[in-house]
PDB file of N, CA and C in Angstrom:
ATOM      1  N   UNK A   1       0.863  -1.094  -0.065  1.00  0.00           N
ATOM      2  CA  UNK A   1      -0.043  -0.104  -0.029  1.00  0.00           C
ATOM      3  C   UNK A   1       0.836   1.182   0.005  1.00  0.00           C
ATOM      4  N   UNK A   2       2.034   1.126   0.699  1.00  0.00           N
ATOM      5  CA  UNK A   2       2.922   2.363   0.664  1.00  0.00           C
ATOM      6  C   UNK A   2       3.484   2.517  -0.713  1.00  0.00           C
ATOM      7  N   UNK A   3       3.889   1.503  -1.318  1.00  0.00           N
ATOM      8  CA  UNK A   3       4.407   1.576  -2.655  1.00  0.00           C
ATOM      9  C   UNK A   3       3.319   2.140  -3.577  1.00  0.00           C
ATOM     10  N   UNK A   4       2.106   1.681  -3.415  1.00  0.00           N
ATOM     11  CA  UNK A   4       1.015   2.218  -4.397  1.00  0.00           C
ATOM     12  C   UNK A   4       0.822   3.678  -4.152  1.00  0.00           C
ATOM     13  N   UNK A   5       0.887   4.162  -2.927  1.00  0.00           N
ATOM     14  CA  UNK A   5       0.674   5.532  -2.644  1.00  0.00           C
ATOM     15  C   UNK A   5       1.821   6.401  -3.241  1.00  0.00           C
ATOM     16  N   UNK A   6       3.069   5.837  -3.500  1.00  0.00           N
ATOM     17  CA  UNK A   6       4.148   6.615  -3.941  1.00  0.00           C
ATOM     18  C   UNK A   6       4.292   6.438  -5.555  1.00  0.00           C
ATOM     19  N   UNK A   7       3.744   5.475  -6.132  1.00  0.00           N
ATOM     20  CA  UNK A   7       4.051   5.202  -7.537  1.00  0.00           C
ATOM     21  C   UNK A   7       3.224   5.985  -8.321  1.00  0.00           C
ATOM     22  N   UNK A   8       3.590   6.674  -9.450  1.00  0.00           N
ATOM     23  CA  UNK A   8       2.811   7.504 -10.298  1.00  0.00           C
ATOM     24  C   UNK A   8       2.587   6.801 -11.685  1.00  0.00           C
ATOM     25  N   UNK A   9       3.421   5.794 -12.043  1.00  0.00           N
ATOM     26  CA  UNK A   9       3.267   5.125 -13.319  1.00  0.00           C
ATOM     27  C   UNK A   9       2.033   4.274 -13.328  1.00  0.00           C
ATOM     28  N   UNK A  10       1.150   4.464 -14.198  1.00  0.00           N
ATOM     29  CA  UNK A  10      -0.086   3.652 -14.223  1.00  0.00           C
ATOM     30  C   UNK A  10       0.042   2.145 -14.381  1.00  0.00           C
ATOM     31  N   UNK A  11       1.078   1.732 -15.173  1.00  0.00           N
ATOM     32  CA  UNK A  11       1.247   0.345 -15.377  1.00  0.00           C
ATOM     33  C   UNK A  11       1.827  -0.351 -14.064  1.00  0.00           C
ATOM     34  N   UNK A  12       2.713   0.383 -13.412  1.00  0.00           N
ATOM     35  CA  UNK A  12       3.327  -0.034 -12.187  1.00  0.00           C
ATOM     36  C   UNK A  12       2.271  -0.091 -11.141  1.00  0.00           C
ATOM     37  N   UNK A  13       1.353   0.854 -11.182  1.00  0.00           N
ATOM     38  CA  UNK A  13       0.315   0.968 -10.116  1.00  0.00           C
ATOM     39  C   UNK A  13      -0.666  -0.201 -10.395  1.00  0.00           C
ATOM     40  N   UNK A  14      -0.856  -0.477 -11.648  1.00  0.00           N
ATOM     41  CA  UNK A  14      -1.794  -1.746 -11.888  1.00  0.00           C
ATOM     42  C   UNK A  14      -1.159  -3.070 -11.364  1.00  0.00           C
ATOM     43  N   UNK A  15       0.108  -3.121 -11.578  1.00  0.00           N
ATOM     44  CA  UNK A  15       0.791  -4.431 -11.054  1.00  0.00           C
ATOM     45  C   UNK A  15       0.740  -4.369  -9.532  1.00  0.00           C
ATOM     46  N   UNK A  16       0.901  -3.338  -8.914  1.00  0.00           N
ATOM     47  CA  UNK A  16       0.770  -3.358  -7.475  1.00  0.00           C
ATOM     48  C   UNK A  16      -0.669  -3.736  -6.865  1.00  0.00           C
ATOM     49  N   UNK A  17      -1.678  -3.137  -7.647  1.00  0.00           N
ATOM     50  CA  UNK A  17      -3.096  -3.463  -7.331  1.00  0.00           C
ATOM     51  C   UNK A  17      -3.349  -5.001  -7.499  1.00  0.00           C
ATOM     52  N   UNK A  18      -2.812  -5.550  -8.554  1.00  0.00           N
ATOM     53  CA  UNK A  18      -2.859  -6.935  -8.844  1.00  0.00           C
ATOM     54  C   UNK A  18      -2.298  -7.741  -7.784  1.00  0.00           C
ATOM     55  N   UNK A  19      -1.144  -7.325  -7.308  1.00  0.00           N
ATOM     56  CA  UNK A  19      -0.349  -8.009  -6.214  1.00  0.00           C
ATOM     57  C   UNK A  19      -1.308  -7.926  -4.905  1.00  0.00           C
ATOM     58  N   UNK A  20      -1.795  -6.701  -4.653  1.00  0.00           N
ATOM     59  CA  UNK A  20      -2.584  -6.549  -3.413  1.00  0.00           C
ATOM     60  C   UNK A  20      -3.790  -7.407  -3.489  1.00  0.00           C
ATOM     61  N   UNK A  21      -4.498  -7.454  -4.551  1.00  0.00           N
ATOM     62  CA  UNK A  21      -5.707  -8.342  -4.672  1.00  0.00           C
ATOM     63  C   UNK A  21      -5.412  -9.833  -4.537  1.00  0.00           C
ATOM     64  N   UNK A  22      -4.233 -10.207  -5.088  1.00  0.00           N
ATOM     65  CA  UNK A  22      -3.917 -11.626  -4.985  1.00  0.00           C
ATOM     66  C   UNK A  22      -3.596 -11.955  -3.409  1.00  0.00           C
ATOM     67  N   UNK A  23      -2.901 -11.034  -2.742  1.00  0.00           N
ATOM     68  CA  UNK A  23      -2.738 -11.196  -1.313  1.00  0.00           C
ATOM     69  C   UNK A  23      -4.057 -11.246  -0.500  1.00  0.00           C
ATOM     70  N   UNK A  24      -4.943 -10.337  -0.974  1.00  0.00           N
ATOM     71  CA  UNK A  24      -6.239 -10.238  -0.249  1.00  0.00           C
ATOM     72  C   UNK A  24      -7.012 -11.544  -0.445  1.00  0.00           C
ATOM     73  N   UNK A  25      -7.120 -12.081  -1.546  1.00  0.00           N
ATOM     74  CA  UNK A  25      -7.933 -13.326  -1.744  1.00  0.00           C
ATOM     75  C   UNK A  25      -7.301 -14.512  -1.162  1.00  0.00           C
ATOM     76  N   UNK A  26      -5.982 -14.532  -1.011  1.00  0.00           N
ATOM     77  CA  UNK A  26      -5.316 -15.703  -0.387  1.00  0.00           C
ATOM     78  C   UNK A  26      -5.263 -15.586   1.093  1.00  0.00           C
ATOM     79  N   UNK A  27      -5.033 -14.439   1.756  1.00  0.00           N
ATOM     80  CA  UNK A  27      -4.816 -14.411   3.189  1.00  0.00           C
ATOM     81  C   UNK A  27      -5.856 -13.528   3.981  1.00  0.00           C
ATOM     82  N   UNK A  28      -6.666 -12.726   3.419  1.00  0.00           N
ATOM     83  CA  UNK A  28      -7.443 -11.913   4.198  1.00  0.00           C
ATOM     84  C   UNK A  28      -8.991 -12.451   4.093  1.00  0.00           C
ATOM     85  N   UNK A  29      -9.554 -12.523   5.287  1.00  0.00           N
ATOM     86  CA  UNK A  29     -10.990 -12.928   5.305  1.00  0.00           C
ATOM     87  C   UNK A  29     -11.941 -11.639   5.205  1.00  0.00           C
ATOM     88  N   UNK A  30     -11.455 -10.522   5.776  1.00  0.00           N
ATOM     89  CA  UNK A  30     -12.142  -9.350   5.745  1.00  0.00           C
ATOM     90  C   UNK A  30     -11.141  -8.187   6.120  1.00  0.00           C
ATOM     91  N   UNK A  31     -11.428  -7.046   5.470  1.00  0.00           N
ATOM     92  CA  UNK A  31     -10.476  -5.829   5.823  1.00  0.00           C
ATOM     93  C   UNK A  31     -11.381  -4.654   5.825  1.00  0.00           C
ATOM     94  N   UNK A  32     -11.008  -3.831   6.740  1.00  0.00           N
ATOM     95  CA  UNK A  32     -11.702  -2.505   6.965  1.00  0.00           C
ATOM     96  C   UNK A  32     -11.053  -1.495   6.184  1.00  0.00           C
ATOM     97  N   UNK A  33     -11.801  -0.828   5.286  1.00  0.00           N
ATOM     98  CA  UNK A  33     -11.287   0.261   4.446  1.00  0.00           C
ATOM     99  C   UNK A  33     -11.782   1.687   5.059  1.00  0.00           C
ATOM    100  N   UNK A  34     -12.708   1.623   5.937  1.00  0.00           N
ATOM    101  CA  UNK A  34     -13.213   3.037   6.355  1.00  0.00           C
ATOM    102  C   UNK A  34     -14.353   2.786   7.227  1.00  0.00           C
ATOM    103  N   UNK A  35     -14.976   3.955   7.611  1.00  0.00           N
ATOM    104  CA  UNK A  35     -16.144   3.991   8.480  1.00  0.00           C
ATOM    105  C   UNK A  35     -17.223   4.733   7.789  1.00  0.00           C
ATOM    106  N   UNK A  36     -18.375   4.475   8.252  1.00  0.00           N
ATOM    107  CA  UNK A  36     -19.694   5.186   7.647  1.00  0.00           C
ATOM    108  C   UNK A  36     -20.158   6.020   8.855  1.00  0.00           C
ATOM    109  N   UNK A  37     -20.244   7.290   8.551  1.00  0.00           N
ATOM    110  CA  UNK A  37     -20.858   8.147   9.593  1.00  0.00           C
ATOM    111  C   UNK A  37     -22.231   8.643   9.124  1.00  0.00           C
ATOM    112  N   UNK A  38     -23.037   8.963  10.053  1.00  0.00           N
ATOM    113  CA  UNK A  38     -24.369   9.455   9.816  1.00  0.00           C
ATOM    114  C   UNK A  38     -24.367  10.911   9.941  1.00  0.00           C
ATOM    115  N   UNK A  39     -24.904  11.638   8.943  1.00  0.00           N
ATOM    116  CA  UNK A  39     -24.900  13.127   8.890  1.00  0.00           C
ATOM    117  C   UNK A  39     -26.298  13.480   9.210  1.00  0.00           C
ATOM    118  N   UNK A  40     -26.528  14.091  10.381  1.00  0.00           N
ATOM    119  CA  UNK A  40     -27.899  14.482  10.861  1.00  0.00           C
ATOM    120  C   UNK A  40     -27.957  16.050  10.617  1.00  0.00           C
ATOM    121  N   UNK A  41     -29.097  16.510  10.057  1.00  0.00           N
ATOM    122  CA  UNK A  41     -29.164  17.941   9.803  1.00  0.00           C
ATOM    123  C   UNK A  41     -30.626  18.372   9.996  1.00  0.00           C
ATOM    124  N   UNK A  42     -30.990  19.484  10.424  1.00  0.00           N
ATOM    125  CA  UNK A  42     -32.260  20.051  10.655  1.00  0.00           C
ATOM    126  C   UNK A  42     -32.249  21.557  10.492  1.00  0.00           C
ATOM    127  N   UNK A  43     -33.415  22.090  10.222  1.00  0.00           N
ATOM    128  CA  UNK A  43     -33.726  23.430  10.296  1.00  0.00           C
ATOM    129  C   UNK A  43     -34.913  23.830  11.170  1.00  0.00           C
ATOM    130  N   UNK A  44     -34.968  25.036  11.646  1.00  0.00           N
ATOM    131  CA  UNK A  44     -36.009  25.552  12.545  1.00  0.00           C
ATOM    132  C   UNK A  44     -37.383  25.297  11.692  1.00  0.00           C
ATOM    133  N   UNK A  45     -37.368  25.685  10.459  1.00  0.00           N
ATOM    134  CA  UNK A  45     -38.535  25.580   9.597  1.00  0.00           C
ATOM    135  C   UNK A  45     -39.118  24.282   9.265  1.00  0.00           C
ATOM    136  N   UNK A  46     -38.220  23.321   9.449  1.00  0.00           N
ATOM    137  CA  UNK A  46     -38.546  21.909   9.063  1.00  0.00           C
ATOM    138  C   UNK A  46     -39.445  21.230  10.089  1.00  0.00           C
ATOM    139  N   UNK A  47     -40.609  20.639   9.678  1.00  0.00           N
ATOM    140  CA  UNK A  47     -41.583  20.053  10.538  1.00  0.00           C
ATOM    141  C   UNK A  47     -41.795  18.553  10.031  1.00  0.00           C
ATOM    142  N   UNK A  48     -42.045  17.770  11.043  1.00  0.00           N
ATOM    143  CA  UNK A  48     -42.468  16.371  10.682  1.00  0.00           C
ATOM    144  C   UNK A  48     -41.326  15.428  11.137  1.00  0.00           C
ATOM    145  N   UNK A  49     -41.605  14.219  10.964  1.00  0.00           N
ATOM    146  CA  UNK A  49     -40.785  13.068  11.277  1.00  0.00           C
ATOM    147  C   UNK A  49     -39.862  12.939  10.065  1.00  0.00           C
ATOM    148  N   UNK A  50     -38.529  13.128  10.265  1.00  0.00           N
ATOM    149  CA  UNK A  50     -37.568  12.935   9.040  1.00  0.00           C
ATOM    150  C   UNK A  50     -36.348  12.319   9.655  1.00  0.00           C
ATOM    151  N   UNK A  51     -35.650  11.577   8.736  1.00  0.00           N
ATOM    152  CA  UNK A  51     -34.385  11.050   9.089  1.00  0.00           C
ATOM    153  C   UNK A  51     -33.460  11.322   7.803  1.00  0.00           C
ATOM    154  N   UNK A  52     -32.174  11.496   8.025  1.00  0.00           N
ATOM    155  CA  UNK A  52     -31.366  11.951   6.907  1.00  0.00           C
ATOM    156  C   UNK A  52     -30.254  11.042   6.617  1.00  0.00           C
ATOM    157  N   UNK A  53     -30.474   9.827   6.920  1.00  0.00           N
ATOM    158  CA  UNK A  53     -29.227   8.869   6.631  1.00  0.00           C
ATOM    159  C   UNK A  53     -29.619   7.753   5.652  1.00  0.00           C
ATOM    160  N   UNK A  54     -28.783   7.394   4.843  1.00  0.00           N
ATOM    161  CA  UNK A  54     -27.602   8.084   4.405  1.00  0.00           C
ATOM    162  C   UNK A  54     -27.902   8.803   3.101  1.00  0.00           C
ATOM    163  N   UNK A  55     -29.076   8.788   2.560  1.00  0.00           N
ATOM    164  CA  UNK A  55     -29.392   9.321   1.223  1.00  0.00           C
ATOM    165  C   UNK A  55     -30.130  10.633   1.146  1.00  0.00           C
ATOM    166  N   UNK A  56     -30.272  11.299   2.466  1.00  0.00           N
ATOM    167  CA  UNK A  56     -30.839  12.590   2.568  1.00  0.00           C
ATOM    168  C   UNK A  56     -32.354  12.607   1.941  1.00  0.00           C
ATOM    169  N   UNK A  57     -33.133  11.615   2.226  1.00  0.00           N
ATOM    170  CA  UNK A  57     -34.469  11.551   1.794  1.00  0.00           C
ATOM    171  C   UNK A  57     -35.316  12.170   2.974  1.00  0.00           C
ATOM    172  N   UNK A  58     -36.165  13.070   2.661  1.00  0.00           N
ATOM    173  CA  UNK A  58     -37.075  13.739   3.733  1.00  0.00           C
ATOM    174  C   UNK A  58     -38.500  13.232   3.407  1.00  0.00           C
ATOM    175  N   UNK A  59     -38.831  12.197   4.192  1.00  0.00           N
ATOM    176  CA  UNK A  59     -40.259  11.712   4.113  1.00  0.00           C
ATOM    177  C   UNK A  59     -41.160  12.389   5.124  1.00  0.00           C
ATOM    178  N   UNK A  60     -42.344  12.739   4.728  1.00  0.00           N
ATOM    179  CA  UNK A  60     -43.232  13.280   5.701  1.00  0.00           C
ATOM    180  C   UNK A  60     -42.648  14.543   6.376  1.00  0.00           C
ATOM    181  N   UNK A  61     -42.043  15.409   5.653  1.00  0.00           N
ATOM    182  CA  UNK A  61     -41.374  16.625   6.128  1.00  0.00           C
ATOM    183  C   UNK A  61     -41.827  17.802   5.225  1.00  0.00           C
ATOM    184  N   UNK A  62     -41.868  19.073   5.960  1.00  0.00           N
ATOM    185  CA  UNK A  62     -42.244  20.150   5.248  1.00  0.00           C
ATOM    186  C   UNK A  62     -41.624  21.431   5.839  1.00  0.00           C
ATOM    187  N   UNK A  63     -41.627  22.535   5.139  1.00  0.00           N
ATOM    188  CA  UNK A  63     -41.110  23.843   5.730  1.00  0.00           C
ATOM    189  C   UNK A  63     -42.250  24.558   6.234  1.00  0.00           C
ATOM    190  N   UNK A  64     -42.093  25.030   7.568  1.00  0.00           N
ATOM    191  CA  UNK A  64     -43.185  25.868   8.017  1.00  0.00           C
ATOM    192  C   UNK A  64     -42.868  27.330   7.640  1.00  0.00           C
ATOM    193  N   UNK A  65     -43.844  28.039   7.187  1.00  0.00           N
ATOM    194  CA  UNK A  65     -43.584  29.326   6.784  1.00  0.00           C
ATOM    195  C   UNK A  65     -44.444  30.320   7.579  1.00  0.00           C
TER     196      UNK A  65
END
């Protein structure tokens, strides 16, 4: 991964990715690449029951005017 981060040549990067994938499928059962965080947001004018995770769909919500 360090080599991949330093390499700029696309063909060499492809070879490194191929090597990483081979190691992954041989040795790794599972690997964590990051976290998922929930972004909650609201406004004073927004009324109703709403949830904003993770696609920002506002069901049964409206702006009070």
